[in-house]
Amino acid sequence: MKKLLNNWLIQVLLFLSLLGLTAYGSQIINDITPPYVLTIGLFIGINLIMALGLNLITGVTGQLSLGHAAFMSIGAYASAIATVNYHLPFLVGVLIGGLIACFFGIIIGFPTLRLTGDYLAIATLGFAEIVRVQFTNMKITNGAIGFLGIEGSTTFPIVMTIAVLTICAMVWLENSRNGRAMLAIREDEVASSAVGINTTLYKIQAFAIGAFCAGVGGALFAHTTTFIQPTDFGFQKSVDILSIIVLGGLGSIPGTIIGAIVLTAAPEILRPLSNYRMIVYGLLLVVIMIFRPYGLMGGVNLRQAVRRAMMFPKKKQAGREE
């Protein structure tokens, strides 16, 4: 069975089957779910896509970035301009948004990713503020007034399919040679460099892929809200995405999924509490981080846990009497 699953053709067929089932199942959910619940599901999927990108940068490679909202805004504005001003198809606009965000991720990566720790966080935060101010003053983005006229083309099946595609890509990447090199950089960058790993190259790769995911998420966000403005992509947005991966557990893909669901749905679930909902929301985060300081799935190997759960208990052998 294991040898069969290692066959690349079987893996491709399983992957395509999974995407097909996701698209079909999400279409059924789209048809029977109330619009309000469906909108929450849309934002869960969008936040998950962006959080998976940041998880690769911060959780897997160990590079603290506070500028993820900048790449989200680049993807959002690029896709909006492509679809509104140049009348390109929606999915082409999403791809353009992701690629342009990826390009800026590489550009900002070369000068900043030689930094580590707090210095990198400050540099990425500065980049995010520069991008926000530029969008506020650019004519093509309509400045602080906001970009109007975006079609609401984002649908639940599209978001879920892209989310599953992103999850599969991240799982494959983490189990590849590049993923293991990124994990090594997170554990000890000096030791990784000493054994021949090009740390700058792999950090730039992680930053580029993470920026692409943020750009795609931003493009989907723009075509969900149909209106974007620079204030939508401030520092708080970067913190929200970072909170998802911290809550779920840094470097954990299942944790990122859980974190995206919890932190996106919690404010809406607590909405009946009116003015107190954000206090309860913050209190829940504090309690979780006290009792699970490494995140909900931090330090948990889900694959091994599933294997142990599926194994049949071995019969105890009678011990010798002493």
Protein backbone atom coordinates (compact mmCIF):
# COMPACT_ATOMS: atom_id res chain seq x y z
CA MET A 1 0.00 0.00 0.00
CA LYS A 2 2.79 2.42 0.93
CA LYS A 3 4.67 1.62 -2.31
CA LEU A 4 1.47 2.29 -4.27
CA LEU A 5 0.96 5.69 -2.64
CA ASN A 6 4.56 6.63 -3.46
CA ASN A 7 3.78 6.32 -7.17
CA TRP A 8 3.55 9.88 -8.56
CA LEU A 9 0.71 9.00 -10.94
CA ILE A 10 -1.41 7.68 -8.07
CA GLN A 11 -0.63 10.81 -6.07
CA VAL A 12 -1.71 13.07 -8.96
CA LEU A 13 -4.95 11.13 -9.38
CA LEU A 14 -5.68 11.30 -5.65
CA PHE A 15 -4.94 15.03 -5.66
CA LEU A 16 -7.27 15.69 -8.62
CA SER A 17 -9.96 13.54 -7.01
CA LEU A 18 -9.64 15.55 -3.80
CA LEU A 19 -9.99 18.84 -5.69
CA GLY A 20 -13.02 17.49 -7.55
CA LEU A 21 -14.70 16.31 -4.35
CA THR A 22 -13.95 19.66 -2.70
CA ALA A 23 -15.48 21.62 -5.58
CA TYR A 24 -18.56 19.36 -5.70
CA GLY A 25 -19.07 19.27 -1.94
CA SER A 26 -18.59 23.01 -1.50
CA GLN A 27 -21.09 23.66 -4.31
CA ILE A 28 -23.69 21.60 -2.42
CA ILE A 29 -22.91 23.55 0.77
CA ASN A 30 -23.16 26.79 -1.21
CA ASP A 31 -26.67 25.86 -2.38
CA ILE A 32 -28.12 24.93 1.03
CA THR A 33 -26.32 27.31 3.43
CA PRO A 34 -27.79 30.70 4.46
CA PRO A 35 -25.92 33.69 2.96
CA TYR A 36 -24.72 34.99 6.34
CA VAL A 37 -23.12 31.67 7.33
CA LEU A 38 -21.74 31.30 3.83
CA THR A 39 -20.05 34.70 4.07
CA ILE A 40 -18.35 33.65 7.31
CA GLY A 41 -17.18 30.51 5.50
CA LEU A 42 -15.76 32.65 2.70
CA PHE A 43 -13.69 34.72 5.12
CA ILE A 44 -12.52 31.57 6.93
CA GLY A 45 -11.21 30.23 3.63
CA ILE A 46 -9.56 33.53 2.67
CA ASN A 47 -7.90 33.91 6.08
CA LEU A 48 -6.75 30.29 5.90
CA ILE A 49 -5.02 30.84 2.55
CA MET A 50 -3.18 33.90 3.86
CA ALA A 51 -2.34 32.25 7.19
CA LEU A 52 -0.83 29.21 5.46
CA GLY A 53 1.52 31.56 3.63
CA LEU A 54 2.56 33.29 6.86
CA ASN A 55 2.90 29.91 8.57
CA LEU A 56 5.52 28.97 5.97
CA ILE A 57 7.45 32.18 6.65
CA THR A 58 7.16 32.33 10.44
CA GLY A 59 6.16 28.85 11.56
CA VAL A 60 8.30 26.71 9.24
CA THR A 61 11.24 28.98 8.39
CA GLY A 62 11.24 30.92 11.67
CA GLN A 63 11.24 34.45 10.18
CA LEU A 64 8.97 36.83 12.10
CA SER A 65 7.07 38.97 9.57
CA LEU A 66 4.66 41.77 10.48
CA GLY A 67 4.06 42.90 6.91
CA HIS A 68 1.74 40.21 5.59
CA ALA A 69 -1.09 42.73 5.15
CA ALA A 70 1.10 44.60 2.63
CA PHE A 71 1.19 41.61 0.28
CA MET A 72 -2.53 41.11 0.83
CA SER A 73 -3.16 44.73 -0.22
CA ILE A 74 -0.90 44.38 -3.28
CA GLY A 75 -2.84 41.32 -4.41
CA ALA A 76 -6.18 43.00 -3.70
CA TYR A 77 -5.43 46.18 -5.65
CA ALA A 78 -3.64 44.38 -8.50
CA SER A 79 -6.54 42.01 -9.09
CA ALA A 80 -9.12 44.80 -8.74
CA ILE A 81 -7.30 46.96 -11.30
CA ALA A 82 -6.88 43.97 -13.64
CA THR A 83 -10.60 43.04 -13.56
CA VAL A 84 -12.13 46.53 -13.40
CA ASN A 85 -9.79 48.65 -15.53
CA TYR A 86 -8.61 46.00 -17.99
CA HIS A 87 -11.69 43.68 -17.91
CA LEU A 88 -9.66 40.51 -17.36
CA PRO A 89 -11.41 37.34 -16.08
CA PHE A 90 -11.73 36.95 -12.33
CA LEU A 91 -9.39 33.97 -11.94
CA VAL A 92 -6.78 35.65 -14.14
CA GLY A 93 -7.01 38.70 -11.87
CA VAL A 94 -6.51 36.47 -8.79
CA LEU A 95 -3.41 34.90 -10.38
CA ILE A 96 -2.05 38.35 -11.30
CA GLY A 97 -2.58 39.55 -7.74
CA GLY A 98 -0.68 36.56 -6.37
CA LEU A 99 2.20 36.90 -8.85
CA ILE A 100 2.67 40.64 -8.28
CA ALA A 101 2.63 40.09 -4.51
CA CYS A 102 5.19 37.28 -5.01
CA PHE A 103 7.37 39.65 -7.06
CA PHE A 104 7.35 42.25 -4.28
CA GLY A 105 8.04 39.47 -1.76
CA ILE A 106 11.23 38.63 -3.64
CA ILE A 107 12.18 42.30 -4.04
CA ILE A 108 11.76 43.05 -0.34
CA GLY A 109 13.33 39.70 0.55
CA PHE A 110 16.79 40.38 -0.85
CA PRO A 111 17.62 43.39 1.38
CA THR A 112 15.64 42.42 4.50
CA LEU A 113 15.97 38.65 4.91
CA ARG A 114 19.59 38.96 5.93
CA LEU A 115 18.05 40.34 9.12
CA THR A 116 16.69 38.12 11.87
CA GLY A 117 14.33 38.35 14.82
CA ASP A 118 13.10 41.76 15.89
CA TYR A 119 15.06 43.55 13.16
CA LEU A 120 13.24 41.58 10.45
CA ALA A 121 9.89 42.23 12.12
CA ILE A 122 10.56 45.99 12.18
CA ALA A 123 11.72 45.98 8.54
CA THR A 124 8.59 44.13 7.33
CA LEU A 125 6.39 46.40 9.44
CA GLY A 126 8.02 49.43 7.82
CA PHE A 127 7.46 47.92 4.37
CA ALA A 128 3.76 47.42 5.16
CA GLU A 129 3.38 51.04 6.21
CA ILE A 130 5.15 52.26 3.06
CA VAL A 131 2.78 50.20 0.88
CA ARG A 132 -0.29 51.48 2.75
CA VAL A 133 0.79 55.12 2.40
CA GLN A 134 1.56 54.64 -1.29
CA PHE A 135 -1.89 53.18 -1.96
CA THR A 136 -3.40 56.11 -0.04
CA ASN A 137 -1.72 58.59 -2.40
CA MET A 138 -1.90 56.77 -5.74
CA LYS A 139 -4.41 57.93 -8.34
CA ILE A 140 -4.96 54.50 -9.87
CA THR A 141 -6.14 53.11 -6.52
CA ASN A 142 -8.46 56.09 -5.92
CA GLY A 143 -6.47 56.97 -2.79
CA ALA A 144 -8.14 57.15 0.60
CA ILE A 145 -11.61 57.20 -0.97
CA GLY A 146 -11.29 53.54 -1.85
CA PHE A 147 -11.54 51.40 -4.97
CA LEU A 148 -15.12 50.97 -6.14
CA GLY A 149 -16.87 48.88 -8.76
CA ILE A 150 -15.26 45.50 -8.05
CA GLU A 151 -17.45 42.57 -9.04
CA GLY A 152 -18.40 40.13 -6.29
CA SER A 153 -17.02 37.15 -8.21
CA THR A 154 -15.67 35.20 -5.23
CA THR A 155 -17.74 32.11 -4.49
CA PHE A 156 -17.55 29.53 -1.74
CA PRO A 157 -16.53 26.64 -4.07
CA ILE A 158 -13.69 28.72 -5.56
CA VAL A 159 -12.35 29.73 -2.13
CA MET A 160 -12.55 26.19 -0.74
CA THR A 161 -10.90 24.69 -3.80
CA ILE A 162 -8.03 27.20 -3.61
CA ALA A 163 -7.75 26.60 0.15
CA VAL A 164 -7.47 22.81 -0.33
CA LEU A 165 -4.98 23.36 -3.16
CA THR A 166 -2.90 25.56 -0.83
CA ILE A 167 -3.03 23.00 1.99
CA CYS A 168 -1.86 20.21 -0.35
CA ALA A 169 0.93 22.42 -1.70
CA MET A 170 2.12 23.27 1.82
CA VAL A 171 2.07 19.62 2.93
CA TRP A 172 4.07 18.62 -0.15
CA LEU A 173 6.53 21.50 0.36
CA GLU A 174 7.14 20.74 4.04
CA ASN A 175 7.93 17.12 3.20
CA SER A 176 10.27 18.05 0.35
CA ARG A 177 13.97 18.82 0.45
CA ASN A 178 13.25 22.56 0.46
CA GLY A 179 10.84 22.20 3.36
CA ARG A 180 13.37 20.27 5.43
CA ALA A 181 15.96 22.98 4.71
CA MET A 182 13.51 25.64 5.90
CA LEU A 183 12.86 23.68 9.09
CA ALA A 184 16.60 23.42 9.64
CA ILE A 185 16.91 27.20 9.31
CA ARG A 186 14.21 27.64 11.92
CA GLU A 187 15.96 25.34 14.36
CA ASP A 188 19.47 26.78 13.95
CA GLU A 189 20.35 29.14 11.11
CA VAL A 190 24.09 29.16 11.90
CA ALA A 191 24.32 25.37 11.92
CA SER A 192 22.27 25.18 8.71
CA SER A 193 24.64 27.57 6.99
CA ALA A 194 27.62 25.59 8.27
CA VAL A 195 26.40 22.35 6.65
CA GLY A 196 25.95 24.03 3.26
CA ILE A 197 22.32 25.24 3.26
CA ASN A 198 21.92 28.55 1.43
CA THR A 199 19.86 30.19 4.16
CA THR A 200 19.19 33.44 2.29
CA LEU A 201 17.92 31.58 -0.78
CA TYR A 202 15.52 29.38 1.19
CA LYS A 203 14.25 32.33 3.24
CA ILE A 204 13.53 34.25 0.04
CA GLN A 205 11.72 31.19 -1.34
CA ALA A 206 9.56 31.02 1.77
CA PHE A 207 8.90 34.75 1.63
CA ALA A 208 7.95 34.58 -2.07
CA ILE A 209 5.52 31.67 -1.58
CA GLY A 210 4.03 33.29 1.52
CA ALA A 211 3.59 36.59 -0.34
CA PHE A 212 1.91 34.75 -3.24
CA CYS A 213 -0.61 33.18 -0.83
CA ALA A 214 -1.26 36.58 0.75
CA GLY A 215 -1.76 38.13 -2.71
CA VAL A 216 -4.25 35.44 -3.69
CA GLY A 217 -6.08 35.93 -0.39
CA GLY A 218 -6.16 39.68 -0.95
CA ALA A 219 -7.56 39.21 -4.46
CA LEU A 220 -10.32 36.95 -3.15
CA PHE A 221 -11.00 39.45 -0.36
CA ALA A 222 -11.36 42.32 -2.85
CA HIS A 223 -13.85 40.38 -4.97
CA THR A 224 -15.81 39.40 -1.85
CA THR A 225 -16.23 42.85 -0.30
CA THR A 226 -16.41 44.62 -3.74
CA PHE A 227 -14.80 47.68 -2.12
CA ILE A 228 -11.30 48.12 -0.71
CA GLN A 229 -9.42 51.00 0.86
CA PRO A 230 -5.92 51.29 2.39
CA THR A 231 -7.25 51.17 5.97
CA ASP A 232 -8.41 47.58 5.33
CA PHE A 233 -4.76 46.50 5.24
CA GLY A 234 -3.26 48.16 8.30
CA PHE A 235 -1.05 46.74 11.03
CA GLN A 236 -4.04 45.13 12.75
CA LYS A 237 -4.63 42.91 9.73
CA SER A 238 -1.08 41.55 9.95
CA VAL A 239 -1.61 40.90 13.66
CA ASP A 240 -4.88 39.07 12.96
CA ILE A 241 -3.17 36.71 10.50
CA LEU A 242 -0.24 36.20 12.87
CA SER A 243 -2.69 35.41 15.70
CA ILE A 244 -4.16 32.58 13.61
CA ILE A 245 -0.87 30.71 13.30
CA VAL A 246 0.16 31.43 16.90
CA LEU A 247 -3.15 30.14 18.23
CA GLY A 248 -3.04 27.03 16.06
CA GLY A 249 0.65 26.35 16.71
CA LEU A 250 3.61 27.66 14.76
CA GLY A 251 4.55 25.35 11.91
CA SER A 252 1.38 23.25 12.20
CA ILE A 253 -0.87 23.09 9.13
CA PRO A 254 -3.79 21.47 11.04
CA GLY A 255 -3.29 24.13 13.72
CA THR A 256 -3.47 26.88 11.10
CA ILE A 257 -6.75 25.44 9.83
CA ILE A 258 -8.21 25.34 13.34
CA GLY A 259 -6.89 28.82 14.14
CA ALA A 260 -8.45 30.29 10.98
CA ILE A 261 -11.83 28.75 11.83
CA VAL A 262 -11.77 29.81 15.48
CA LEU A 263 -10.49 33.37 15.08
CA THR A 264 -12.67 34.15 12.06
CA ALA A 265 -15.89 32.69 13.45
CA ALA A 266 -15.47 33.73 17.11
CA PRO A 267 -16.26 37.47 16.67
CA GLU A 268 -19.45 36.55 14.78
CA ILE A 269 -20.48 33.89 17.28
CA LEU A 270 -19.94 36.41 20.11
CA ARG A 271 -21.82 39.19 18.29
CA PRO A 272 -24.94 38.80 20.55
CA LEU A 273 -22.76 40.01 23.44
CA SER A 274 -22.61 43.39 21.69
CA ASN A 275 -20.02 45.67 23.29
CA TYR A 276 -18.47 42.88 25.36
CA ARG A 277 -17.75 40.45 22.54
CA MET A 278 -14.21 41.70 21.88
CA ILE A 279 -13.41 41.48 25.60
CA VAL A 280 -14.60 37.86 25.67
CA TYR A 281 -12.72 37.22 22.42
CA GLY A 282 -9.46 38.54 23.91
CA LEU A 283 -10.03 36.65 27.16
CA LEU A 284 -10.48 33.38 25.26
CA LEU A 285 -7.17 33.97 23.49
CA VAL A 286 -5.39 34.62 26.80
CA VAL A 287 -6.87 31.48 28.40
CA ILE A 288 -5.91 29.31 25.41
CA MET A 289 -2.36 30.63 25.38
CA ILE A 290 -2.01 30.00 29.14
CA PHE A 291 -3.08 26.37 28.92
CA ARG A 292 -1.66 25.72 25.43
CA PRO A 293 1.39 28.01 25.24
CA TYR A 294 2.59 26.40 21.99
CA GLY A 295 -0.82 26.70 20.33
CA LEU A 296 -3.71 24.30 20.01
CA MET A 297 -1.74 21.91 17.78
CA GLY A 298 1.76 22.99 18.75
CA GLY A 299 4.02 19.99 19.28
CA VAL A 300 1.31 17.58 18.06
CA ASN A 301 2.22 15.30 15.15
CA LEU A 302 -1.21 14.71 13.65
CA ARG A 303 0.01 11.97 11.30
CA GLN A 304 1.46 9.91 14.14
CA ALA A 305 -1.63 10.53 16.29
CA VAL A 306 -3.92 9.24 13.52
CA ARG A 307 -1.70 6.21 12.98
CA ARG A 308 -1.78 5.38 16.70
CA ALA A 309 -5.55 5.80 16.76
CA MET A 310 -6.00 3.46 13.78
CA MET A 311 -3.69 0.76 15.12
CA PHE A 312 -5.32 -2.21 16.78
CA PRO A 313 -4.27 -2.71 20.41
CA LYS A 314 -1.79 -5.50 20.77
CA LYS A 315 -2.67 -8.39 23.01
CA LYS A 316 -0.80 -8.29 26.23
CA GLN A 317 1.53 -11.21 26.69
CA ALA A 318 1.42 -12.95 30.01
CA GLY A 319 4.47 -12.04 32.00
CA ARG A 320 6.52 -14.53 33.97
CA GLU A 321 5.73 -14.83 37.58
CA GLU A 322 8.58 -13.87 39.79
